[in-house]
Amino acid sequence: VVIIGTFFFSISNVGEEFCVKKKDSVEVVSMIGLFGVLVTMIEIP
């Protein structure tokens, strides 16, 4: 379970690193939070 989880983390980490170095950090964190809320609201039920 944790090894599969790290695969998804790697996708998130690579994308976040590229975005914060080239774009706006506040935008990156806020959008991860927003879509994180939406995804968890769908999956929790």
PDB file of all heavy atoms in Angstrom:
ATOM      1  N   VAL A   1       0.827  -1.201   0.000  1.00  0.00           N
ATOM      2  CA  VAL A   1       0.000   0.000   0.000  1.00  0.00           C
ATOM      3  C   VAL A   1       0.868   1.261   0.000  1.00  0.00           C
ATOM      4  O   VAL A   1       0.622   2.195  -0.773  1.00  0.00           O
ATOM      5  CB  VAL A   1      -0.947  -0.003   1.218  1.00  0.00           C
ATOM      6  CG1 VAL A   1      -1.645   1.344   1.363  1.00  0.00           C
ATOM      7  CG2 VAL A   1      -1.983  -1.114   1.080  1.00  0.00           C
ATOM      8  N   VAL A   2       1.898   1.300   0.842  1.00  0.00           N
ATOM      9  CA  VAL A   2       2.722   2.505   0.934  1.00  0.00           C
ATOM     10  C   VAL A   2       3.560   2.703  -0.331  1.00  0.00           C
ATOM     11  O   VAL A   2       3.777   3.843  -0.773  1.00  0.00           O
ATOM     12  CB  VAL A   2       3.619   2.460   2.186  1.00  0.00           C
ATOM     13  CG1 VAL A   2       4.734   1.463   2.048  1.00  0.00           C
ATOM     14  CG2 VAL A   2       4.192   3.849   2.465  1.00  0.00           C
ATOM     15  N   ILE A   3       4.023   1.629  -0.953  1.00  0.00           N
ATOM     16  CA  ILE A   3       4.816   1.766  -2.179  1.00  0.00           C
ATOM     17  C   ILE A   3       3.948   2.314  -3.318  1.00  0.00           C
ATOM     18  O   ILE A   3       4.384   3.165  -4.102  1.00  0.00           O
ATOM     19  CB  ILE A   3       5.452   0.414  -2.555  1.00  0.00           C
ATOM     20  CG1 ILE A   3       6.563   0.069  -1.559  1.00  0.00           C
ATOM     21  CG2 ILE A   3       6.014   0.465  -3.981  1.00  0.00           C
ATOM     22  CD1 ILE A   3       7.156  -1.317  -1.748  1.00  0.00           C
ATOM     23  N   ILE A   4       2.702   1.840  -3.413  1.00  0.00           N
ATOM     24  CA  ILE A   4       1.783   2.398  -4.414  1.00  0.00           C
ATOM     25  C   ILE A   4       1.506   3.865  -4.095  1.00  0.00           C
ATOM     26  O   ILE A   4       1.441   4.713  -4.991  1.00  0.00           O
ATOM     27  CB  ILE A   4       0.470   1.599  -4.457  1.00  0.00           C
ATOM     28  CG1 ILE A   4       0.738   0.161  -4.908  1.00  0.00           C
ATOM     29  CG2 ILE A   4      -0.537   2.255  -5.405  1.00  0.00           C
ATOM     30  CD1 ILE A   4      -0.487  -0.733  -4.866  1.00  0.00           C
ATOM     31  N   GLY A   5       1.370   4.170  -2.803  1.00  0.00           N
ATOM     32  CA  GLY A   5       1.141   5.558  -2.405  1.00  0.00           C
ATOM     33  C   GLY A   5       2.288   6.473  -2.791  1.00  0.00           C
ATOM     34  O   GLY A   5       2.076   7.611  -3.217  1.00  0.00           O
ATOM     35  N   THR A   6       3.517   5.977  -2.670  1.00  0.00           N
ATOM     36  CA  THR A   6       4.663   6.812  -3.042  1.00  0.00           C
ATOM     37  C   THR A   6       4.696   7.081  -4.545  1.00  0.00           C
ATOM     38  O   THR A   6       5.238   8.100  -4.985  1.00  0.00           O
ATOM     39  CB  THR A   6       5.984   6.141  -2.620  1.00  0.00           C
ATOM     40  OG1 THR A   6       6.098   4.846  -3.241  1.00  0.00           O
ATOM     41  CG2 THR A   6       6.058   5.994  -1.120  1.00  0.00           C
ATOM     42  N   PHE A   7       4.126   6.169  -5.340  1.00  0.00           N
ATOM     43  CA  PHE A   7       4.045   6.422  -6.785  1.00  0.00           C
ATOM     44  C   PHE A   7       3.184   7.658  -7.060  1.00  0.00           C
ATOM     45  O   PHE A   7       3.546   8.528  -7.859  1.00  0.00           O
ATOM     46  CB  PHE A   7       3.470   5.203  -7.498  1.00  0.00           C
ATOM     47  CG  PHE A   7       3.199   5.433  -8.962  1.00  0.00           C
ATOM     48  CD1 PHE A   7       4.245   5.517  -9.866  1.00  0.00           C
ATOM     49  CD2 PHE A   7       1.902   5.575  -9.422  1.00  0.00           C
ATOM     50  CE1 PHE A   7       3.992   5.735 -11.213  1.00  0.00           C
ATOM     51  CE2 PHE A   7       1.647   5.804 -10.769  1.00  0.00           C
ATOM     52  CZ  PHE A   7       2.693   5.876 -11.667  1.00  0.00           C
ATOM     53  N   PHE A   8       2.031   7.730  -6.379  1.00  0.00           N
ATOM     54  CA  PHE A   8       1.182   8.916  -6.550  1.00  0.00           C
ATOM     55  C   PHE A   8       1.851  10.157  -5.983  1.00  0.00           C
ATOM     56  O   PHE A   8       1.733  11.251  -6.550  1.00  0.00           O
ATOM     57  CB  PHE A   8      -0.175   8.685  -5.874  1.00  0.00           C
ATOM     58  CG  PHE A   8      -1.073   7.743  -6.620  1.00  0.00           C
ATOM     59  CD1 PHE A   8      -1.251   6.434  -6.197  1.00  0.00           C
ATOM     60  CD2 PHE A   8      -1.740   8.171  -7.760  1.00  0.00           C
ATOM     61  CE1 PHE A   8      -2.079   5.565  -6.891  1.00  0.00           C
ATOM     62  CE2 PHE A   8      -2.569   7.309  -8.466  1.00  0.00           C
ATOM     63  CZ  PHE A   8      -2.734   5.999  -8.033  1.00  0.00           C
ATOM     64  N   PHE A   9       2.567  10.013  -4.878  1.00  0.00           N
ATOM     65  CA  PHE A   9       3.298  11.145  -4.321  1.00  0.00           C
ATOM     66  C   PHE A   9       4.349  11.662  -5.302  1.00  0.00           C
ATOM     67  O   PHE A   9       4.576  12.867  -5.404  1.00  0.00           O
ATOM     68  CB  PHE A   9       3.976  10.745  -3.009  1.00  0.00           C
ATOM     69  CG  PHE A   9       3.154  11.020  -1.795  1.00  0.00           C
ATOM     70  CD1 PHE A   9       3.177  10.143  -0.722  1.00  0.00           C
ATOM     71  CD2 PHE A   9       2.355  12.155  -1.700  1.00  0.00           C
ATOM     72  CE1 PHE A   9       2.420  10.377   0.412  1.00  0.00           C
ATOM     73  CE2 PHE A   9       1.601  12.405  -0.578  1.00  0.00           C
ATOM     74  CZ  PHE A   9       1.620  11.519   0.478  1.00  0.00           C
ATOM     75  N   SER A  10       5.003  10.745  -6.010  1.00  0.00           N
ATOM     76  CA  SER A  10       6.042  11.158  -6.959  1.00  0.00           C
ATOM     77  C   SER A  10       5.438  11.999  -8.083  1.00  0.00           C
ATOM     78  O   SER A  10       6.037  12.981  -8.525  1.00  0.00           O
ATOM     79  CB  SER A  10       6.753   9.934  -7.534  1.00  0.00           C
ATOM     80  OG  SER A  10       5.882   9.155  -8.336  1.00  0.00           O
ATOM     81  N   ILE A  11       4.235  11.618  -8.539  1.00  0.00           N
ATOM     82  CA  ILE A  11       3.558  12.416  -9.569  1.00  0.00           C
ATOM     83  C   ILE A  11       3.268  13.810  -9.036  1.00  0.00           C
ATOM     84  O   ILE A  11       3.524  14.828  -9.699  1.00  0.00           O
ATOM     85  CB  ILE A  11       2.247  11.731  -9.997  1.00  0.00           C
ATOM     86  CG1 ILE A  11       2.533  10.383 -10.652  1.00  0.00           C
ATOM     87  CG2 ILE A  11       1.458  12.628 -10.963  1.00  0.00           C
ATOM     88  CD1 ILE A  11       1.281   9.594 -11.011  1.00  0.00           C
ATOM     89  N   SER A  12       2.753  13.873  -7.812  1.00  0.00           N
ATOM     90  CA  SER A  12       2.436  15.151  -7.198  1.00  0.00           C
ATOM     91  C   SER A  12       3.690  15.984  -6.950  1.00  0.00           C
ATOM     92  O   SER A  12       3.719  17.186  -7.227  1.00  0.00           O
ATOM     93  CB  SER A  12       1.690  14.924  -5.878  1.00  0.00           C
ATOM     94  OG  SER A  12       1.453  16.143  -5.206  1.00  0.00           O
ATOM     95  N   ASN A  13       4.752  15.356  -6.454  1.00  0.00           N
ATOM     96  CA  ASN A  13       5.970  16.087  -6.121  1.00  0.00           C
ATOM     97  C   ASN A  13       6.668  16.640  -7.353  1.00  0.00           C
ATOM     98  O   ASN A  13       7.128  17.793  -7.344  1.00  0.00           O
ATOM     99  CB  ASN A  13       6.929  15.171  -5.356  1.00  0.00           C
ATOM    100  CG  ASN A  13       6.436  14.848  -3.963  1.00  0.00           C
ATOM    101  OD1 ASN A  13       5.539  15.497  -3.448  1.00  0.00           O
ATOM    102  ND2 ASN A  13       7.008  13.831  -3.346  1.00  0.00           N
ATOM    103  N   VAL A  14       6.752  15.838  -8.405  1.00  0.00           N
ATOM    104  CA  VAL A  14       7.400  16.305  -9.636  1.00  0.00           C
ATOM    105  C   VAL A  14       6.626  17.485 -10.226  1.00  0.00           C
ATOM    106  O   VAL A  14       7.198  18.505 -10.606  1.00  0.00           O
ATOM    107  CB  VAL A  14       7.505  15.160 -10.663  1.00  0.00           C
ATOM    108  CG1 VAL A  14       7.928  15.703 -12.030  1.00  0.00           C
ATOM    109  CG2 VAL A  14       8.506  14.114 -10.182  1.00  0.00           C
ATOM    110  N   GLY A  15       5.303  17.347 -10.278  1.00  0.00           N
ATOM    111  CA  GLY A  15       4.491  18.441 -10.813  1.00  0.00           C
ATOM    112  C   GLY A  15       4.563  19.692  -9.960  1.00  0.00           C
ATOM    113  O   GLY A  15       4.666  20.810 -10.476  1.00  0.00           O
ATOM    114  N   GLU A  16       4.540  19.528  -8.643  1.00  0.00           N
ATOM    115  CA  GLU A  16       4.590  20.688  -7.756  1.00  0.00           C
ATOM    116  C   GLU A  16       5.937  21.397  -7.841  1.00  0.00           C
ATOM    117  O   GLU A  16       6.002  22.627  -7.864  1.00  0.00           O
ATOM    118  CB  GLU A  16       4.338  20.258  -6.310  1.00  0.00           C
ATOM    119  CG  GLU A  16       4.313  21.427  -5.329  1.00  0.00           C
ATOM    120  CD  GLU A  16       4.042  21.004  -3.912  1.00  0.00           C
ATOM    121  OE1 GLU A  16       3.831  19.789  -3.677  1.00  0.00           O
ATOM    122  OE2 GLU A  16       4.050  21.876  -3.023  1.00  0.00           O
ATOM    123  N   GLU A  17       7.022  20.630  -7.907  1.00  0.00           N
ATOM    124  CA  GLU A  17       8.344  21.253  -7.991  1.00  0.00           C
ATOM    125  C   GLU A  17       8.490  22.068  -9.266  1.00  0.00           C
ATOM    126  O   GLU A  17       8.995  23.189  -9.247  1.00  0.00           O
ATOM    127  CB  GLU A  17       9.441  20.185  -7.926  1.00  0.00           C
ATOM    128  CG  GLU A  17      10.843  20.777  -7.978  1.00  0.00           C
ATOM    129  CD  GLU A  17      11.929  19.728  -7.835  1.00  0.00           C
ATOM    130  OE1 GLU A  17      11.591  18.568  -7.525  1.00  0.00           O
ATOM    131  OE2 GLU A  17      13.102  20.075  -8.038  1.00  0.00           O
ATOM    132  N   PHE A  18       8.052  21.533 -10.394  1.00  0.00           N
ATOM    133  CA  PHE A  18       8.123  22.266 -11.649  1.00  0.00           C
ATOM    134  C   PHE A  18       7.281  23.536 -11.587  1.00  0.00           C
ATOM    135  O   PHE A  18       7.696  24.589 -12.064  1.00  0.00           O
ATOM    136  CB  PHE A  18       7.656  21.384 -12.815  1.00  0.00           C
ATOM    137  CG  PHE A  18       8.679  20.365 -13.237  1.00  0.00           C
ATOM    138  CD1 PHE A  18       8.280  19.187 -13.839  1.00  0.00           C
ATOM    139  CD2 PHE A  18      10.022  20.582 -13.036  1.00  0.00           C
ATOM    140  CE1 PHE A  18       9.213  18.234 -14.240  1.00  0.00           C
ATOM    141  CE2 PHE A  18      10.963  19.649 -13.420  1.00  0.00           C
ATOM    142  CZ  PHE A  18      10.555  18.469 -14.019  1.00  0.00           C
ATOM    143  N   CYS A  19       6.107  23.431 -10.988  1.00  0.00           N
ATOM    144  CA  CYS A  19       5.204  24.581 -10.950  1.00  0.00           C
ATOM    145  C   CYS A  19       5.717  25.694 -10.043  1.00  0.00           C
ATOM    146  O   CYS A  19       5.666  26.872 -10.399  1.00  0.00           O
ATOM    147  CB  CYS A  19       3.810  24.143 -10.496  1.00  0.00           C
ATOM    148  SG  CYS A  19       2.902  23.175 -11.726  1.00  0.00           S
ATOM    149  N   VAL A  20       6.217  25.357  -8.854  1.00  0.00           N
ATOM    150  CA  VAL A  20       6.645  26.399  -7.924  1.00  0.00           C
ATOM    151  C   VAL A  20       7.915  27.089  -8.406  1.00  0.00           C
ATOM    152  O   VAL A  20       8.169  28.255  -8.076  1.00  0.00           O
ATOM    153  CB  VAL A  20       6.866  25.842  -6.502  1.00  0.00           C
ATOM    154  CG1 VAL A  20       5.584  25.286  -5.936  1.00  0.00           C
ATOM    155  CG2 VAL A  20       7.978  24.800  -6.464  1.00  0.00           C
ATOM    156  N   LYS A  21       8.722  26.393  -9.205  1.00  0.00           N
ATOM    157  CA  LYS A  21       9.945  27.015  -9.707  1.00  0.00           C
ATOM    158  C   LYS A  21       9.675  27.925 -10.900  1.00  0.00           C
ATOM    159  O   LYS A  21      10.427  28.866 -11.144  1.00  0.00           O
ATOM    160  CB  LYS A  21      10.959  25.929 -10.107  1.00  0.00           C
ATOM    161  CG  LYS A  21      11.637  25.273  -8.913  1.00  0.00           C
ATOM    162  CD  LYS A  21      12.727  24.324  -9.360  1.00  0.00           C
ATOM    163  CE  LYS A  21      13.484  23.770  -8.162  1.00  0.00           C
ATOM    164  NZ  LYS A  21      14.564  22.840  -8.564  1.00  0.00           N
ATOM    165  N   LYS A  22       8.611  27.651 -11.634  1.00  0.00           N
ATOM    166  CA  LYS A  22       8.318  28.436 -12.825  1.00  0.00           C
ATOM    167  C   LYS A  22       7.110  29.349 -12.659  1.00  0.00           C
ATOM    168  O   LYS A  22       6.987  30.345 -13.360  1.00  0.00           O
ATOM    169  CB  LYS A  22       8.062  27.488 -14.014  1.00  0.00           C
ATOM    170  CG  LYS A  22       9.261  26.654 -14.400  1.00  0.00           C
ATOM    171  CD  LYS A  22      10.408  27.510 -14.907  1.00  0.00           C
ATOM    172  CE  LYS A  22      11.589  26.656 -15.348  1.00  0.00           C
ATOM    173  NZ  LYS A  22      12.707  27.464 -15.879  1.00  0.00           N
ATOM    174  N   LYS A  23       6.217  29.017 -11.733  1.00  0.00           N
ATOM    175  CA  LYS A  23       4.979  29.783 -11.583  1.00  0.00           C
ATOM    176  C   LYS A  23       4.864  30.308 -10.155  1.00  0.00           C
ATOM    177  O   LYS A  23       5.867  30.557  -9.491  1.00  0.00           O
ATOM    178  CB  LYS A  23       3.776  28.914 -11.968  1.00  0.00           C
ATOM    179  CG  LYS A  23       3.864  28.336 -13.379  1.00  0.00           C
ATOM    180  CD  LYS A  23       3.904  29.414 -14.443  1.00  0.00           C
ATOM    181  CE  LYS A  23       4.026  28.804 -15.840  1.00  0.00           C
ATOM    182  NZ  LYS A  23       4.111  29.844 -16.906  1.00  0.00           N
ATOM    183  N   ASP A  24       3.634  30.456  -9.658  1.00  0.00           N
ATOM    184  CA  ASP A  24       3.362  31.082  -8.369  1.00  0.00           C
ATOM    185  C   ASP A  24       3.099  30.026  -7.298  1.00  0.00           C
ATOM    186  O   ASP A  24       2.235  29.162  -7.457  1.00  0.00           O
ATOM    187  CB  ASP A  24       2.148  32.002  -8.506  1.00  0.00           C
ATOM    188  CG  ASP A  24       1.824  32.717  -7.206  1.00  0.00           C
ATOM    189  OD1 ASP A  24       2.779  33.072  -6.491  1.00  0.00           O
ATOM    190  OD2 ASP A  24       0.639  32.907  -6.918  1.00  0.00           O
ATOM    191  N   SER A  25       3.830  30.113  -6.181  1.00  0.00           N
ATOM    192  CA  SER A  25       3.696  29.124  -5.117  1.00  0.00           C
ATOM    193  C   SER A  25       2.312  29.159  -4.476  1.00  0.00           C
ATOM    194  O   SER A  25       1.733  28.115  -4.169  1.00  0.00           O
ATOM    195  CB  SER A  25       4.766  29.354  -4.043  1.00  0.00           C
ATOM    196  OG  SER A  25       6.064  29.205  -4.575  1.00  0.00           O
ATOM    197  N   VAL A  26       1.780  30.351  -4.258  1.00  0.00           N
ATOM    198  CA  VAL A  26       0.464  30.480  -3.642  1.00  0.00           C
ATOM    199  C   VAL A  26      -0.594  29.832  -4.514  1.00  0.00           C
ATOM    200  O   VAL A  26      -1.490  29.131  -4.026  1.00  0.00           O
ATOM    201  CB  VAL A  26       0.124  31.956  -3.390  1.00  0.00           C
ATOM    202  CG1 VAL A  26      -1.319  32.106  -2.916  1.00  0.00           C
ATOM    203  CG2 VAL A  26       1.078  32.555  -2.367  1.00  0.00           C
ATOM    204  N   GLU A  27      -0.500  30.035  -5.824  1.00  0.00           N
ATOM    205  CA  GLU A  27      -1.457  29.426  -6.743  1.00  0.00           C
ATOM    206  C   GLU A  27      -1.365  27.904  -6.693  1.00  0.00           C
ATOM    207  O   GLU A  27      -2.398  27.209  -6.646  1.00  0.00           O
ATOM    208  CB  GLU A  27      -1.184  29.902  -8.172  1.00  0.00           C
ATOM    209  CG  GLU A  27      -2.087  29.249  -9.215  1.00  0.00           C
ATOM    210  CD  GLU A  27      -1.802  29.737 -10.621  1.00  0.00           C
ATOM    211  OE1 GLU A  27      -1.910  30.955 -10.841  1.00  0.00           O
ATOM    212  OE2 GLU A  27      -1.461  28.903 -11.491  1.00  0.00           O
ATOM    213  N   VAL A  28      -0.148  27.367  -6.666  1.00  0.00           N
ATOM    214  CA  VAL A  28       0.038  25.915  -6.649  1.00  0.00           C
ATOM    215  C   VAL A  28      -0.579  25.307  -5.398  1.00  0.00           C
ATOM    216  O   VAL A  28      -1.352  24.338  -5.467  1.00  0.00           O
ATOM    217  CB  VAL A  28       1.535  25.558  -6.738  1.00  0.00           C
ATOM    218  CG1 VAL A  28       1.732  24.053  -6.572  1.00  0.00           C
ATOM    219  CG2 VAL A  28       2.117  26.022  -8.064  1.00  0.00           C
ATOM    220  N   VAL A  29      -0.270  25.875  -4.216  1.00  0.00           N
ATOM    221  CA  VAL A  29      -0.768  25.317  -2.962  1.00  0.00           C
ATOM    222  C   VAL A  29      -2.287  25.452  -2.865  1.00  0.00           C
ATOM    223  O   VAL A  29      -2.981  24.531  -2.425  1.00  0.00           O
ATOM    224  CB  VAL A  29      -0.090  26.003  -1.758  1.00  0.00           C
ATOM    225  CG1 VAL A  29      -0.672  25.481  -0.445  1.00  0.00           C
ATOM    226  CG2 VAL A  29       1.416  25.766  -1.789  1.00  0.00           C
ATOM    227  N   SER A  30      -2.814  26.600  -3.292  1.00  0.00           N
ATOM    228  CA  SER A  30      -4.265  26.810  -3.206  1.00  0.00           C
ATOM    229  C   SER A  30      -5.017  25.857  -4.129  1.00  0.00           C
ATOM    230  O   SER A  30      -6.078  25.329  -3.762  1.00  0.00           O
ATOM    231  CB  SER A  30      -4.619  28.255  -3.555  1.00  0.00           C
ATOM    232  OG  SER A  30      -4.298  28.553  -4.913  1.00  0.00           O
ATOM    233  N   MET A  31      -4.485  25.601  -5.322  1.00  0.00           N
ATOM    234  CA  MET A  31      -5.156  24.703  -6.255  1.00  0.00           C
ATOM    235  C   MET A  31      -5.060  23.243  -5.813  1.00  0.00           C
ATOM    236  O   MET A  31      -6.002  22.469  -5.995  1.00  0.00           O
ATOM    237  CB  MET A  31      -4.565  24.868  -7.666  1.00  0.00           C
ATOM    238  CG  MET A  31      -4.904  26.189  -8.337  1.00  0.00           C
ATOM    239  SD  MET A  31      -6.702  26.392  -8.617  1.00  0.00           S
ATOM    240  CE  MET A  31      -7.127  27.506  -7.268  1.00  0.00           C
ATOM    241  N   ILE A  32      -3.928  22.863  -5.223  1.00  0.00           N
ATOM    242  CA  ILE A  32      -3.826  21.505  -4.676  1.00  0.00           C
ATOM    243  C   ILE A  32      -4.840  21.340  -3.551  1.00  0.00           C
ATOM    244  O   ILE A  32      -5.493  20.292  -3.431  1.00  0.00           O
ATOM    245  CB  ILE A  32      -2.399  21.228  -4.167  1.00  0.00           C
ATOM    246  CG1 ILE A  32      -1.434  21.110  -5.350  1.00  0.00           C
ATOM    247  CG2 ILE A  32      -2.363  19.953  -3.326  1.00  0.00           C
ATOM    248  CD1 ILE A  32       0.013  20.875  -4.949  1.00  0.00           C
ATOM    249  N   GLY A  33      -4.988  22.373  -2.719  1.00  0.00           N
ATOM    250  CA  GLY A  33      -5.985  22.320  -1.653  1.00  0.00           C
ATOM    251  C   GLY A  33      -7.396  22.235  -2.189  1.00  0.00           C
ATOM    252  O   GLY A  33      -8.212  21.432  -1.716  1.00  0.00           O
ATOM    253  N   LEU A  34      -7.714  23.046  -3.199  1.00  0.00           N
ATOM    254  CA  LEU A  34      -9.059  23.066  -3.769  1.00  0.00           C
ATOM    255  C   LEU A  34      -9.433  21.721  -4.383  1.00  0.00           C
ATOM    256  O   LEU A  34     -10.493  21.149  -4.075  1.00  0.00           O
ATOM    257  CB  LEU A  34      -9.165  24.167  -4.823  1.00  0.00           C
ATOM    258  CG  LEU A  34     -10.476  24.220  -5.609  1.00  0.00           C
ATOM    259  CD1 LEU A  34     -11.651  24.477  -4.672  1.00  0.00           C
ATOM    260  CD2 LEU A  34     -10.404  25.294  -6.705  1.00  0.00           C
ATOM    261  N   PHE A  35      -8.571  21.207  -5.251  1.00  0.00           N
ATOM    262  CA  PHE A  35      -8.889  19.932  -5.907  1.00  0.00           C
ATOM    263  C   PHE A  35      -8.757  18.767  -4.932  1.00  0.00           C
ATOM    264  O   PHE A  35      -9.416  17.732  -5.117  1.00  0.00           O
ATOM    265  CB  PHE A  35      -7.999  19.737  -7.126  1.00  0.00           C
ATOM    266  CG  PHE A  35      -8.398  20.597  -8.296  1.00  0.00           C
ATOM    267  CD1 PHE A  35      -7.668  21.725  -8.635  1.00  0.00           C
ATOM    268  CD2 PHE A  35      -9.525  20.286  -9.041  1.00  0.00           C
ATOM    269  CE1 PHE A  35      -8.044  22.528  -9.701  1.00  0.00           C
ATOM    270  CE2 PHE A  35      -9.906  21.082 -10.112  1.00  0.00           C
ATOM    271  CZ  PHE A  35      -9.169  22.209 -10.440  1.00  0.00           C
ATOM    272  N   GLY A  36      -7.931  18.937  -3.891  1.00  0.00           N
ATOM    273  CA  GLY A  36      -7.874  17.922  -2.846  1.00  0.00           C
ATOM    274  C   GLY A  36      -9.195  17.804  -2.118  1.00  0.00           C
ATOM    275  O   GLY A  36      -9.667  16.706  -1.822  1.00  0.00           O
ATOM    276  N   VAL A  37      -9.820  18.955  -1.837  1.00  0.00           N
ATOM    277  CA  VAL A  37     -11.139  18.962  -1.187  1.00  0.00           C
ATOM    278  C   VAL A  37     -12.179  18.291  -2.076  1.00  0.00           C
ATOM    279  O   VAL A  37     -12.975  17.462  -1.618  1.00  0.00           O
ATOM    280  CB  VAL A  37     -11.571  20.406  -0.848  1.00  0.00           C
ATOM    281  CG1 VAL A  37     -13.037  20.432  -0.419  1.00  0.00           C
ATOM    282  CG2 VAL A  37     -10.694  20.970   0.249  1.00  0.00           C
ATOM    283  N   LEU A  38     -12.191  18.643  -3.354  1.00  0.00           N
ATOM    284  CA  LEU A  38     -13.178  18.095  -4.277  1.00  0.00           C
ATOM    285  C   LEU A  38     -13.038  16.576  -4.413  1.00  0.00           C
ATOM    286  O   LEU A  38     -14.044  15.844  -4.399  1.00  0.00           O
ATOM    287  CB  LEU A  38     -13.036  18.760  -5.654  1.00  0.00           C
ATOM    288  CG  LEU A  38     -13.339  20.262  -5.709  1.00  0.00           C
ATOM    289  CD1 LEU A  38     -13.091  20.798  -7.115  1.00  0.00           C
ATOM    290  CD2 LEU A  38     -14.766  20.536  -5.273  1.00  0.00           C
ATOM    291  N   VAL A  39     -11.809  16.086  -4.540  1.00  0.00           N
ATOM    292  CA  VAL A  39     -11.585  14.654  -4.707  1.00  0.00           C
ATOM    293  C   VAL A  39     -11.976  13.897  -3.445  1.00  0.00           C
ATOM    294  O   VAL A  39     -12.639  12.848  -3.512  1.00  0.00           O
ATOM    295  CB  VAL A  39     -10.112  14.368  -5.072  1.00  0.00           C
ATOM    296  CG1 VAL A  39      -9.843  12.862  -5.072  1.00  0.00           C
ATOM    297  CG2 VAL A  39      -9.777  14.948  -6.442  1.00  0.00           C
ATOM    298  N   THR A  40     -11.589  14.407  -2.277  1.00  0.00           N
ATOM    299  CA  THR A  40     -11.934  13.715  -1.032  1.00  0.00           C
ATOM    300  C   THR A  40     -13.433  13.730  -0.778  1.00  0.00           C
ATOM    301  O   THR A  40     -13.984  12.757  -0.245  1.00  0.00           O
ATOM    302  CB  THR A  40     -11.206  14.354   0.172  1.00  0.00           C
ATOM    303  OG1 THR A  40     -11.440  15.769   0.190  1.00  0.00           O
ATOM    304  CG2 THR A  40      -9.713  14.092   0.109  1.00  0.00           C
ATOM    305  N   MET A  41     -14.120  14.805  -1.161  1.00  0.00           N
ATOM    306  CA  MET A  41     -15.571  14.858  -0.997  1.00  0.00           C
ATOM    307  C   MET A  41     -16.266  13.802  -1.851  1.00  0.00           C
ATOM    308  O   MET A  41     -17.324  13.287  -1.477  1.00  0.00           O
ATOM    309  CB  MET A  41     -16.092  16.252  -1.364  1.00  0.00           C
ATOM    310  CG  MET A  41     -15.766  17.330  -0.343  1.00  0.00           C
ATOM    311  SD  MET A  41     -16.379  18.962  -0.835  1.00  0.00           S
ATOM    312  CE  MET A  41     -18.153  18.655  -0.826  1.00  0.00           C
ATOM    313  N   ILE A  42     -15.685  13.477  -2.990  1.00  0.00           N
ATOM    314  CA  ILE A  42     -16.248  12.438  -3.856  1.00  0.00           C
ATOM    315  C   ILE A  42     -15.942  11.046  -3.320  1.00  0.00           C
ATOM    316  O   ILE A  42     -16.795  10.155  -3.328  1.00  0.00           O
ATOM    317  CB  ILE A  42     -15.708  12.592  -5.296  1.00  0.00           C
ATOM    318  CG1 ILE A  42     -16.196  13.910  -5.909  1.00  0.00           C
ATOM    319  CG2 ILE A  42     -16.141  11.413  -6.163  1.00  0.00           C
ATOM    320  CD1 ILE A  42     -15.580  14.223  -7.251  1.00  0.00           C
ATOM    321  N   GLU A  43     -14.717  10.852  -2.816  1.00  0.00           N
ATOM    322  CA  GLU A  43     -14.280   9.515  -2.430  1.00  0.00           C
ATOM    323  C   GLU A  43     -14.724   9.101  -1.028  1.00  0.00           C
ATOM    324  O   GLU A  43     -14.917   7.908  -0.780  1.00  0.00           O
ATOM    325  CB  GLU A  43     -12.754   9.429  -2.525  1.00  0.00           C
ATOM    326  CG  GLU A  43     -12.230   9.530  -3.949  1.00  0.00           C
ATOM    327  CD  GLU A  43     -10.740   9.278  -4.034  1.00  0.00           C
ATOM    328  OE1 GLU A  43     -10.089   9.186  -2.959  1.00  0.00           O
ATOM    329  OE2 GLU A  43     -10.213   9.169  -5.157  1.00  0.00           O
ATOM    330  N   ILE A  44     -14.878  10.054  -0.109  1.00  0.00           N
ATOM    331  CA  ILE A  44     -15.251   9.705   1.268  1.00  0.00           C
ATOM    332  C   ILE A  44     -16.577   8.954   1.343  1.00  0.00           C
ATOM    333  O   ILE A  44     -16.663   7.913   2.012  1.00  0.00           O
ATOM    334  CB  ILE A  44     -15.274  10.964   2.163  1.00  0.00           C
ATOM    335  CG1 ILE A  44     -13.842  11.423   2.461  1.00  0.00           C
ATOM    336  CG2 ILE A  44     -16.002  10.690   3.480  1.00  0.00           C
ATOM    337  CD1 ILE A  44     -13.761  12.714   3.246  1.00  0.00           C
ATOM    338  N   PRO A  45     -17.650   9.420   0.684  1.00  0.00           N
ATOM    339  CA  PRO A  45     -18.920   8.652   0.746  1.00  0.00           C
ATOM    340  C   PRO A  45     -18.805   7.260   0.151  1.00  0.00           C
ATOM    341  O   PRO A  45     -19.534   6.345   0.553  1.00  0.00           O
ATOM    342  CB  PRO A  45     -19.897   9.519  -0.065  1.00  0.00           C
ATOM    343  CG  PRO A  45     -19.308  10.889  -0.043  1.00  0.00           C
ATOM    344  CD  PRO A  45     -17.822  10.672  -0.059  1.00  0.00           C
TER     345      PRO A  45
END
